[in-house]
Protein backbone atom coordinates (compact mmCIF):
# COMPACT_ATOMS: atom_id res chain seq x y z
CA PRO A 1 27.23 -49.44 -57.78
CA GLN A 2 23.54 -49.23 -57.22
CA GLY A 3 21.88 -46.94 -54.72
CA PRO A 4 20.15 -47.89 -51.50
CA ARG A 5 17.58 -50.62 -51.64
CA LEU A 6 14.51 -51.07 -49.46
CA LEU A 7 14.19 -54.74 -48.63
CA ASN A 8 11.06 -56.31 -47.15
CA LEU A 9 11.36 -59.28 -44.85
CA THR A 10 8.36 -61.38 -43.93
CA GLU A 11 8.46 -63.66 -40.91
CA LYS A 12 5.23 -65.21 -39.63
CA GLY A 13 3.15 -62.55 -41.28
CA LYS A 14 5.13 -59.63 -39.86
CA VAL A 15 6.93 -57.30 -42.22
CA GLY A 16 10.31 -55.75 -41.52
CA LYS A 17 12.34 -53.31 -43.62
CA ILE A 18 16.03 -52.74 -44.26
CA GLN A 19 17.40 -49.58 -45.85
CA LEU A 20 21.05 -49.50 -46.94
CA PRO A 21 22.78 -46.13 -47.46
CA ARG A 22 24.52 -45.20 -50.73
CA GLU A 23 27.77 -44.90 -48.82
CA ILE A 24 28.07 -48.68 -48.69
CA PHE A 25 27.92 -49.10 -52.46
CA ARG A 26 30.20 -46.15 -53.22
CA SER A 27 32.93 -47.73 -51.10
CA LEU A 28 32.91 -50.97 -53.09
CA SER A 29 35.71 -51.61 -55.55
CA SER A 30 33.55 -53.48 -58.08
CA TRP A 31 30.39 -52.42 -59.94
CA THR A 32 28.38 -55.34 -58.64
CA ALA A 33 28.06 -56.67 -55.11
CA ARG A 34 26.00 -59.37 -53.55
CA VAL A 35 23.68 -58.26 -50.75
CA VAL A 36 22.88 -61.15 -48.43
CA VAL A 37 20.16 -60.86 -45.79
CA THR A 38 19.88 -63.80 -43.42
CA VAL A 39 16.86 -64.27 -41.16
CA LEU A 40 17.45 -66.79 -38.38
CA ASN A 41 15.17 -68.31 -35.77
CA ILE A 42 17.55 -68.63 -32.84
CA GLN A 43 15.19 -70.79 -30.82
CA LYS A 44 15.35 -73.55 -33.42
CA LEU A 45 19.05 -73.14 -34.13
CA GLY A 46 20.19 -72.70 -30.54
CA MET A 47 22.47 -69.80 -31.50
CA PHE A 48 23.07 -66.29 -30.14
CA LYS A 49 22.56 -67.26 -26.50
CA GLU A 50 24.12 -64.80 -24.08
CA VAL A 51 25.06 -65.78 -20.54
CA ASN A 52 22.69 -64.21 -17.96
CA GLN A 53 20.68 -62.50 -20.69
CA ALA A 54 17.96 -60.34 -19.14
CA GLY A 55 16.07 -59.30 -22.28
CA GLN A 56 14.11 -61.40 -24.75
CA VAL A 57 14.79 -61.44 -28.50
CA LEU A 58 11.76 -60.23 -30.47
CA ASN A 59 10.07 -63.25 -32.10
CA ASP A 60 13.38 -65.15 -31.55
CA THR A 61 14.50 -63.56 -34.83
CA VAL A 62 18.00 -62.33 -35.75
CA VAL A 63 18.72 -60.54 -39.03
CA GLY A 64 22.19 -60.69 -40.60
CA ILE A 65 23.30 -58.29 -43.37
CA THR A 66 26.40 -58.54 -45.54
CA VAL A 67 27.38 -56.61 -48.67
CA GLY A 68 30.22 -57.97 -50.73
CA GLU A 69 33.13 -59.79 -49.12
CA THR A 70 34.42 -57.07 -46.77
CA SER A 71 33.47 -55.97 -43.27
CA ILE A 72 31.63 -52.64 -43.24
CA SER A 73 31.66 -50.35 -40.20
CA GLY A 74 31.90 -46.68 -39.25
CA LEU A 75 29.16 -45.53 -41.62
CA ARG A 76 28.25 -41.85 -41.54
CA ASP A 77 24.77 -42.63 -42.85
CA PRO A 78 23.48 -45.54 -40.78
CA VAL A 79 21.79 -48.71 -41.90
CA GLN A 80 18.13 -48.63 -40.92
CA LEU A 81 16.27 -51.76 -39.86
CA THR A 82 12.58 -51.64 -39.01
CA PHE A 83 11.36 -54.37 -36.68
CA THR A 84 7.58 -54.52 -36.90
CA HIS A 85 5.63 -55.51 -33.83
CA GLY A 86 2.38 -54.76 -32.08
CA GLN A 87 1.90 -52.59 -29.05
CA LEU A 88 4.56 -53.61 -26.56
CA PRO A 89 3.57 -54.13 -22.91
CA PRO A 90 4.62 -51.37 -20.51
CA SER A 91 6.85 -53.81 -18.63
CA VAL A 92 9.45 -53.97 -21.43
CA THR A 93 11.52 -51.48 -23.37
CA PRO A 94 13.02 -52.21 -26.84
CA GLN A 95 16.73 -51.93 -27.52
CA CYS A 96 18.53 -52.34 -30.85
CA VAL A 97 21.51 -54.64 -30.44
CA PHE A 98 23.99 -56.63 -32.50
CA TRP A 99 26.02 -59.75 -31.76
CA ASP A 100 29.48 -58.70 -30.58
CA LEU A 101 32.03 -61.52 -30.67
CA ARG A 102 34.33 -59.53 -28.39
CA LYS A 103 32.01 -59.89 -25.40
CA GLY A 104 32.76 -62.89 -23.22
CA GLN A 105 33.99 -66.17 -24.58
CA ALA A 106 31.19 -66.81 -27.07
CA GLY A 107 30.01 -63.26 -27.67
CA GLY A 108 27.07 -61.22 -26.45
CA TRP A 109 24.59 -58.52 -27.36
CA SER A 110 25.83 -54.94 -27.62
CA SER A 111 24.14 -51.65 -28.51
CA SER A 112 27.31 -49.72 -29.40
CA GLY A 113 26.85 -47.77 -32.64
CA CYS A 114 23.08 -48.36 -32.72
CA VAL A 115 20.28 -45.89 -32.02
CA THR A 116 16.81 -47.10 -31.03
CA GLN A 117 13.72 -45.23 -32.26
CA PRO A 118 10.65 -46.96 -30.76
CA GLY A 119 7.16 -46.58 -32.20
CA ASP A 120 3.67 -47.89 -31.59
CA GLN A 121 3.78 -50.53 -34.33
CA GLY A 122 7.52 -50.94 -34.88
CA THR A 123 11.01 -49.96 -33.83
CA VAL A 124 13.63 -48.45 -36.15
CA CYS A 125 17.25 -49.40 -35.53
CA SER A 126 19.93 -47.12 -37.01
CA CYS A 127 23.39 -48.71 -36.87
CA ASP A 128 26.75 -47.65 -38.29
CA HIS A 129 27.89 -51.14 -39.35
CA LEU A 130 26.71 -54.44 -40.82
CA THR A 131 26.42 -57.65 -38.82
CA PHE A 132 23.68 -59.70 -37.08
CA PHE A 133 20.99 -57.51 -35.53
CA THR A 134 17.91 -58.02 -33.41
CA LEU A 135 15.52 -56.13 -31.14
CA LEU A 136 15.99 -56.97 -27.50
CA LEU A 137 12.99 -56.52 -25.19
CA ASN A 138 14.40 -55.58 -21.81
CA PRO A 139 12.29 -55.60 -18.65
CA ALA A 140 11.81 -52.06 -17.43
CA LEU A 141 10.67 -50.29 -14.32
CA GLU A 142 7.13 -49.08 -14.04
CA LYS A 143 6.54 -45.37 -13.73
CA SER A 144 5.45 -45.55 -10.09
CA THR A 145 8.55 -47.54 -9.13
CA ALA A 146 10.87 -45.16 -10.97
CA GLN A 147 9.26 -42.14 -9.32
CA ALA A 148 9.53 -43.78 -5.90
CA LEU A 149 13.23 -44.48 -6.49
CA MET A 150 13.86 -40.86 -7.45
CA ALA A 151 12.03 -39.68 -4.33
CA VAL A 152 14.05 -42.03 -2.12
CA ALA A 153 17.30 -40.94 -3.80
CA THR A 154 16.48 -37.24 -3.36
CA ALA A 155 15.52 -37.64 0.30
CA GLY A 156 18.53 -39.88 0.89
CA CYS A 157 20.88 -37.26 -0.51
CA GLY A 158 19.53 -34.69 1.94
CA VAL A 159 19.98 -37.05 4.89
CA ALA A 160 23.46 -38.05 3.73
CA MET A 161 24.53 -34.41 3.43
CA ALA A 162 23.31 -33.64 6.96
CA PHE A 163 25.21 -36.56 8.49
CA SER A 164 28.28 -35.69 6.43
CA ILE A 165 28.32 -32.32 8.15
CA PHE A 166 27.88 -34.00 11.55
CA THR A 167 30.73 -36.39 10.77
CA ILE A 168 33.16 -33.70 9.66
CA THR A 169 32.33 -31.62 12.73
CA PHE A 170 32.90 -34.61 15.02
CA CYS A 171 36.23 -35.40 13.35
CA ILE A 172 37.41 -31.82 13.79
CA ILE A 173 36.54 -31.91 17.49
CA VAL A 174 38.36 -35.20 18.06
CA ARG A 175 41.42 -34.05 16.07
CA CYS A 176 41.64 -30.91 18.20
CA ARG A 177 41.29 -32.91 21.42
CA PHE A 178 43.98 -35.46 20.54
CA ARG A 179 46.55 -33.29 18.80
CA SER A 180 49.49 -35.30 20.10
CA GLU A 181 48.34 -38.62 18.56
CA GLU A 182 49.63 -38.38 15.01
CA THR A 183 48.20 -41.67 13.76
CA LEU A 184 44.73 -40.81 15.03
CA ARG A 185 44.90 -37.42 13.32
CA ILE A 186 45.89 -39.05 10.03
CA ASN A 187 43.06 -41.57 10.30
CA LEU A 188 40.52 -38.85 10.98
CA GLY A 189 41.94 -36.72 8.18
CA LEU A 190 41.36 -39.59 5.74
CA HIS A 191 37.81 -40.08 6.97
CA MET A 192 37.07 -36.35 6.70
CA ASN A 193 38.18 -36.27 3.08
CA LEU A 194 36.08 -39.32 2.19
CA VAL A 195 33.02 -37.89 3.90
CA GLY A 196 33.68 -34.54 2.23
CA SER A 197 33.67 -36.17 -1.19
CA LEU A 198 30.38 -37.92 -0.31
CA PHE A 199 28.91 -34.56 0.66
CA LEU A 200 29.94 -33.02 -2.66
CA LEU A 201 28.59 -36.01 -4.60
CA ASN A 202 25.16 -35.76 -2.98
CA LEU A 203 25.14 -32.02 -3.54
CA ALA A 204 26.08 -32.48 -7.20
CA PHE A 205 23.30 -35.04 -7.70
CA LEU A 206 20.68 -32.73 -6.20
CA LEU A 207 21.86 -29.84 -8.37
CA SER A 208 21.98 -32.04 -11.47
CA SER A 209 18.49 -33.49 -11.02
CA SER A 210 16.90 -30.13 -10.20
CA LEU A 211 18.65 -27.84 -12.71
CA SER A 212 19.29 -30.03 -15.77
CA SER A 213 15.82 -29.64 -17.30
CA ARG A 214 15.94 -25.84 -17.30
CA THR A 215 19.60 -25.05 -17.75
CA GLN A 216 21.56 -24.42 -20.92
CA LEU A 217 23.62 -27.17 -22.51
CA GLY A 218 26.96 -25.56 -21.64
CA THR A 219 26.04 -25.24 -17.98
CA CYS A 220 24.76 -28.81 -17.95
CA LYS A 221 28.07 -30.06 -19.35
CA VAL A 222 29.93 -28.32 -16.54
CA LEU A 223 27.53 -29.74 -13.95
CA GLY A 224 27.85 -33.21 -15.48
CA GLY A 225 31.61 -32.99 -15.29
CA PHE A 226 31.41 -31.83 -11.68
CA THR A 227 29.14 -34.76 -10.76
CA HIS A 228 31.52 -37.19 -12.46
CA TYR A 229 34.46 -35.60 -10.64
CA CYS A 230 32.76 -35.99 -7.23
CA LEU A 231 31.96 -39.64 -7.93
CA LEU A 232 35.55 -40.38 -8.91
CA CYS A 233 36.78 -38.57 -5.78
CA CYS A 234 34.59 -40.85 -3.64
CA PHE A 235 36.01 -43.94 -5.32
CA THR A 236 39.58 -42.66 -5.03
CA TRP A 237 39.26 -41.88 -1.33
CA MET A 238 37.80 -45.33 -0.75
CA ALA A 239 40.90 -46.74 -2.42
CA LEU A 240 43.14 -44.57 -0.25
CA GLU A 241 41.31 -45.80 2.86
CA GLY A 242 42.10 -49.34 1.78
CA CYS A 243 45.74 -48.50 1.08
CA HIS A 244 46.10 -46.86 4.48
CA LEU A 245 44.53 -49.86 6.19
CA TYR A 246 46.95 -52.12 4.31
CA LEU A 247 49.96 -50.05 5.40
CA LEU A 248 48.87 -50.08 9.04
CA PHE A 249 48.10 -53.76 9.42
CA VAL A 250 49.97 -55.62 6.69
CA LYS A 251 52.97 -53.63 5.56
CA VAL A 252 53.70 -52.29 9.06
CA LEU A 253 55.94 -49.48 7.98
CA GLY A 254 58.12 -47.99 10.68
CA THR A 255 59.57 -45.08 8.77
CA TYR A 256 58.38 -41.54 9.05
CA ILE A 257 57.33 -40.20 5.67
CA ARG A 258 56.71 -36.50 5.50
CA HIS A 259 53.43 -34.85 4.51
CA TYR A 260 51.59 -38.17 4.27
CA LEU A 261 48.06 -36.73 4.42
CA ALA A 262 48.91 -33.86 2.08
CA LYS A 263 50.15 -36.28 -0.57
CA LEU A 264 47.04 -38.42 -0.16
CA CYS A 265 44.96 -35.29 -0.74
CA LEU A 266 46.92 -34.61 -3.91
CA VAL A 267 45.98 -38.06 -5.21
CA GLY A 268 42.42 -38.11 -3.87
CA TRP A 269 41.42 -34.73 -5.28
CA GLY A 270 43.90 -34.45 -8.14
CA PHE A 271 43.68 -37.75 -10.03
CA PRO A 272 39.93 -37.36 -10.82
CA VAL A 273 40.73 -33.99 -12.41
CA LEU A 274 42.81 -35.74 -15.07
CA VAL A 275 40.06 -38.27 -15.84
CA VAL A 276 37.33 -35.63 -16.06
CA GLY A 277 39.58 -33.44 -18.19
CA VAL A 278 40.08 -36.20 -20.77
CA ALA A 279 36.35 -37.01 -20.75
CA GLY A 280 35.56 -33.33 -21.23
CA ILE A 281 37.90 -33.06 -24.21
CA ILE A 282 35.94 -35.76 -26.04
CA ASP A 283 32.68 -33.98 -25.14
CA SER A 284 31.28 -36.75 -22.92
CA TYR A 285 29.00 -34.61 -20.75
CA GLY A 286 25.54 -33.27 -21.43
CA LYS A 287 21.87 -33.90 -20.70
CA TYR A 288 20.86 -37.43 -19.80
CA GLN A 289 17.27 -38.69 -19.47
CA ILE A 290 15.91 -41.49 -17.30
CA GLN A 291 12.88 -43.03 -19.00
CA THR A 292 10.25 -45.59 -18.09
CA ALA A 293 9.15 -48.56 -20.19
CA ASP A 294 6.64 -46.41 -22.08
CA HIS A 295 9.38 -43.84 -22.77
CA GLN A 296 8.10 -41.24 -20.32
CA VAL A 297 10.90 -39.11 -18.93
CA ILE A 298 11.16 -39.51 -15.16
CA ALA A 299 14.21 -37.36 -14.54
CA HIS A 300 16.73 -35.18 -16.32
CA LEU A 301 20.35 -35.33 -15.24
CA CYS A 302 23.55 -33.57 -16.21
CA TRP A 303 25.77 -36.57 -16.71
CA ILE A 304 27.68 -38.62 -19.28
CA THR A 305 25.57 -38.72 -22.44
CA SER A 306 24.24 -41.97 -23.89
CA LYS A 307 26.61 -41.58 -26.87
CA HIS A 308 29.62 -41.93 -24.57
CA LEU A 309 28.54 -44.79 -22.32
CA LEU A 310 31.96 -46.36 -22.84
CA VAL A 311 33.39 -43.52 -20.75
CA HIS A 312 30.99 -44.48 -17.96
CA TYR A 313 31.86 -48.17 -18.16
CA ILE A 314 35.62 -47.53 -18.06
CA THR A 315 35.96 -44.61 -15.65
CA ASN A 316 33.16 -45.58 -13.26
CA CYS A 317 32.34 -49.30 -13.46
CA GLY A 318 35.85 -50.50 -14.31
CA TYR A 319 37.60 -48.11 -11.93
CA PHE A 320 35.34 -48.96 -9.00
CA GLY A 321 35.51 -52.68 -9.78
CA LEU A 322 39.29 -52.66 -9.30
CA ILE A 323 39.01 -50.58 -6.12
CA PHE A 324 36.33 -52.84 -4.68
CA LEU A 325 38.37 -56.00 -5.27
CA PHE A 326 41.44 -54.46 -3.64
CA ASN A 327 39.53 -53.10 -0.63
CA MET A 328 37.72 -56.36 0.00
CA ALA A 329 41.05 -58.19 -0.14
CA VAL A 330 42.47 -55.74 2.41
CA PHE A 331 39.41 -56.17 4.60
CA GLY A 332 39.83 -59.94 4.49
CA VAL A 333 43.51 -59.72 5.42
CA VAL A 334 42.81 -57.33 8.31
CA THR A 335 40.02 -59.56 9.61
CA GLN A 336 42.26 -62.63 9.39
CA LYS A 337 45.06 -60.83 11.23
CA THR A 338 42.64 -59.72 13.93
CA CYS A 339 41.48 -63.31 14.44
CA CYS A 340 45.11 -64.42 14.74
CA LEU A 341 45.77 -61.79 17.41
CA ARG A 342 42.75 -62.98 19.35
CA GLY A 343 43.92 -66.57 19.08
CA THR A 344 47.32 -65.71 20.56
CA GLY A 345 45.72 -63.69 23.36
CA ALA A 346 47.22 -60.40 22.18
CA VAL A 347 43.74 -58.97 21.97
CA GLN A 348 41.04 -59.67 24.52
CA VAL A 349 37.64 -60.84 23.33
CA ASP A 350 34.99 -58.14 23.43
CA HIS A 351 31.77 -59.51 24.87
CA LYS A 352 29.74 -56.69 23.30
CA ALA A 353 29.15 -58.32 19.94
CA TRP A 354 27.07 -55.41 18.67
CA LYS A 355 30.16 -53.19 18.74
CA VAL A 356 32.11 -55.63 16.58
CA THR A 357 29.18 -55.87 14.15
CA LEU A 358 28.84 -52.11 14.00
CA VAL A 359 32.56 -51.62 13.41
CA ALA A 360 32.53 -54.22 10.62
CA MET A 361 29.57 -52.48 8.95
CA GLY A 362 31.38 -49.17 9.21
CA LEU A 363 34.49 -50.59 7.60
CA PHE A 364 32.39 -52.05 4.81
CA CYS A 365 30.84 -48.65 4.13
CA LEU A 366 34.21 -46.95 4.42
CA LEU A 367 35.69 -49.27 1.78
CA GLY A 368 32.73 -48.86 -0.58
CA ALA A 369 30.95 -52.21 -0.24
CA THR A 370 27.51 -50.61 -0.57
CA TRP A 371 28.48 -49.34 -4.02
CA ALA A 372 29.06 -52.92 -5.14
CA LEU A 373 25.28 -53.33 -5.38
CA ALA A 374 25.50 -51.27 -8.56
CA PHE A 375 26.87 -54.35 -10.33
CA LEU A 376 23.62 -56.17 -9.45
CA THR A 377 21.51 -53.43 -11.03
CA HIS A 378 22.89 -53.81 -14.56
CA SER A 379 19.31 -53.84 -15.87
CA THR A 380 16.02 -52.54 -14.53
CA THR A 381 14.80 -56.05 -13.80
CA SER A 382 15.91 -56.04 -10.18
CA ALA A 383 13.78 -53.36 -8.52
CA THR A 384 14.75 -54.80 -5.14
CA MET A 385 18.45 -54.32 -5.89
CA LEU A 386 17.77 -50.75 -7.05
CA TYR A 387 15.98 -49.98 -3.79
CA LEU A 388 18.78 -51.55 -1.74
CA PHE A 389 21.45 -49.67 -3.68
CA THR A 390 19.62 -46.36 -3.26
CA ILE A 391 18.78 -46.78 0.43
CA LEU A 392 22.11 -48.23 1.59
CA ASN A 393 24.14 -45.56 -0.20
CA SER A 394 21.89 -42.92 1.34
CA LEU A 395 22.65 -44.45 4.74
CA GLN A 396 26.38 -44.66 4.07
CA GLY A 397 26.98 -41.29 5.74
CA ILE A 398 24.96 -42.38 8.79
CA PHE A 399 26.92 -45.64 9.10
CA ILE A 400 30.25 -43.82 8.92
CA PHE A 401 29.11 -41.26 11.50
CA ILE A 402 28.00 -43.93 14.00
CA TRP A 403 31.16 -45.91 13.29
CA LEU A 404 33.40 -42.95 14.08
CA VAL A 405 31.48 -42.13 17.25
CA VAL A 406 31.91 -45.70 18.49
CA LEU A 407 35.62 -45.66 17.60
CA TYR A 408 36.74 -42.29 18.86
CA TYR A 409 34.30 -41.06 21.49
CA PRO A 410 36.47 -40.54 24.60
CA LYS A 411 34.14 -42.47 26.90
CA MET A 412 34.70 -45.60 24.78
CA LYS A 413 38.51 -45.59 24.83
CA GLU A 414 38.53 -48.61 27.11
CA SER A 415 36.78 -50.73 24.45
CA THR A 416 38.94 -53.76 23.53
CA GLY A 417 38.85 -56.95 21.53
CA SER A 418 37.42 -55.56 18.32
CA ILE A 419 38.65 -54.12 15.10
CA SER A 420 38.03 -50.66 16.52
CA HIS A 421 40.52 -51.38 19.32
CA ILE A 422 43.22 -52.23 16.80
CA ILE A 423 42.57 -49.15 14.68
CA ARG A 424 42.45 -46.76 17.64
CA HIS A 425 45.52 -48.02 19.48
CA ASP A 426 47.47 -48.98 16.35
CA LYS A 427 49.46 -52.03 17.37
CA THR A 428 51.68 -51.21 14.44
CA THR A 429 54.08 -48.32 14.16
CA ALA A 430 52.42 -45.05 13.17
CA VAL A 431 52.32 -44.45 9.47
CA SER A 432 52.73 -40.88 8.26
CA GLN A 433 54.04 -39.35 5.15
């Protein structure tokens, strides 16, 4: 077999290059192999159209590479494609992608196995397989916007930590005052654990953003794992809040189950340990950089590295997606049951609508609805969504604090006709374990 070849591709006066590694030819069974390079204009052909595609394909050009008759993947020495272009505007950032038939029904663009090396006059794509490639120009945040978001996130973490402390203190006071009400103590215990996990998550983010640029790699891996653990604890406690709400209002268990809160703590704090342990074994944590469109580093974080983004998609996005769907279903069932109780006259109508609105907002925060905005920030195109996600999650601790004060402050025990009335008085039998 012959060695690597450097192929020049000319499209509308612009020159691109493809370099194939020797590894491809050494793996072939025959002495000769046909190398086929296909250059397609997808605008004319109407192909390679992804649903809700945010980025734009460079020059509407896709390059396909095949060698021989077999599929080639998992290369140690990557295939290098050079996409030549002029100076890109600061509002976009290039990304090397390939067409993945496994995404969606018709396929979609994926960057798995590809490394992007941008330059002033061209971008080099290094990929570990052969298929159809292109350079995707994704809209990116400007430097000023990215810096403003980091400032808002940092300030928000400080505010959230302060209100987390207020909330935990308030819950302790109420638990001590109403020691005889077991259901109330369990409810407050759940809320305290959720707020505690939020406090640790904000603390971990502040430590990660401030120490990652000047700490050693080993320390950064530990800090990245700790941040991931705190995030998973938040998601898990949100799920446990939903499960508890379901047991109280839907399942209506009447049996006494011992050590209910202790077992919830075992799940809420223990399950994330297993996930982080597996991610640590495959060396998923390290230094992560947040860059602007012109590749200036805005922030350093100790987090899941870019080489293991699949870990992030599965353990964070996928895990939270399931929790969010379950919690919103529980919220809908509880709301429907509350409306039924009002219709039968079992619950009086509360004329103070602001209390009902406030309680509903608190429940939304408690069940993690503000985190759902992360699914609307899949790319840096939606600066508004990024601001909303950052601000609302910073205010999550404040919402929960106000919600608990409205629910459990002794002077408001006479409040009726709202979701808070149902939770506080527990029309169902007390659930404990």
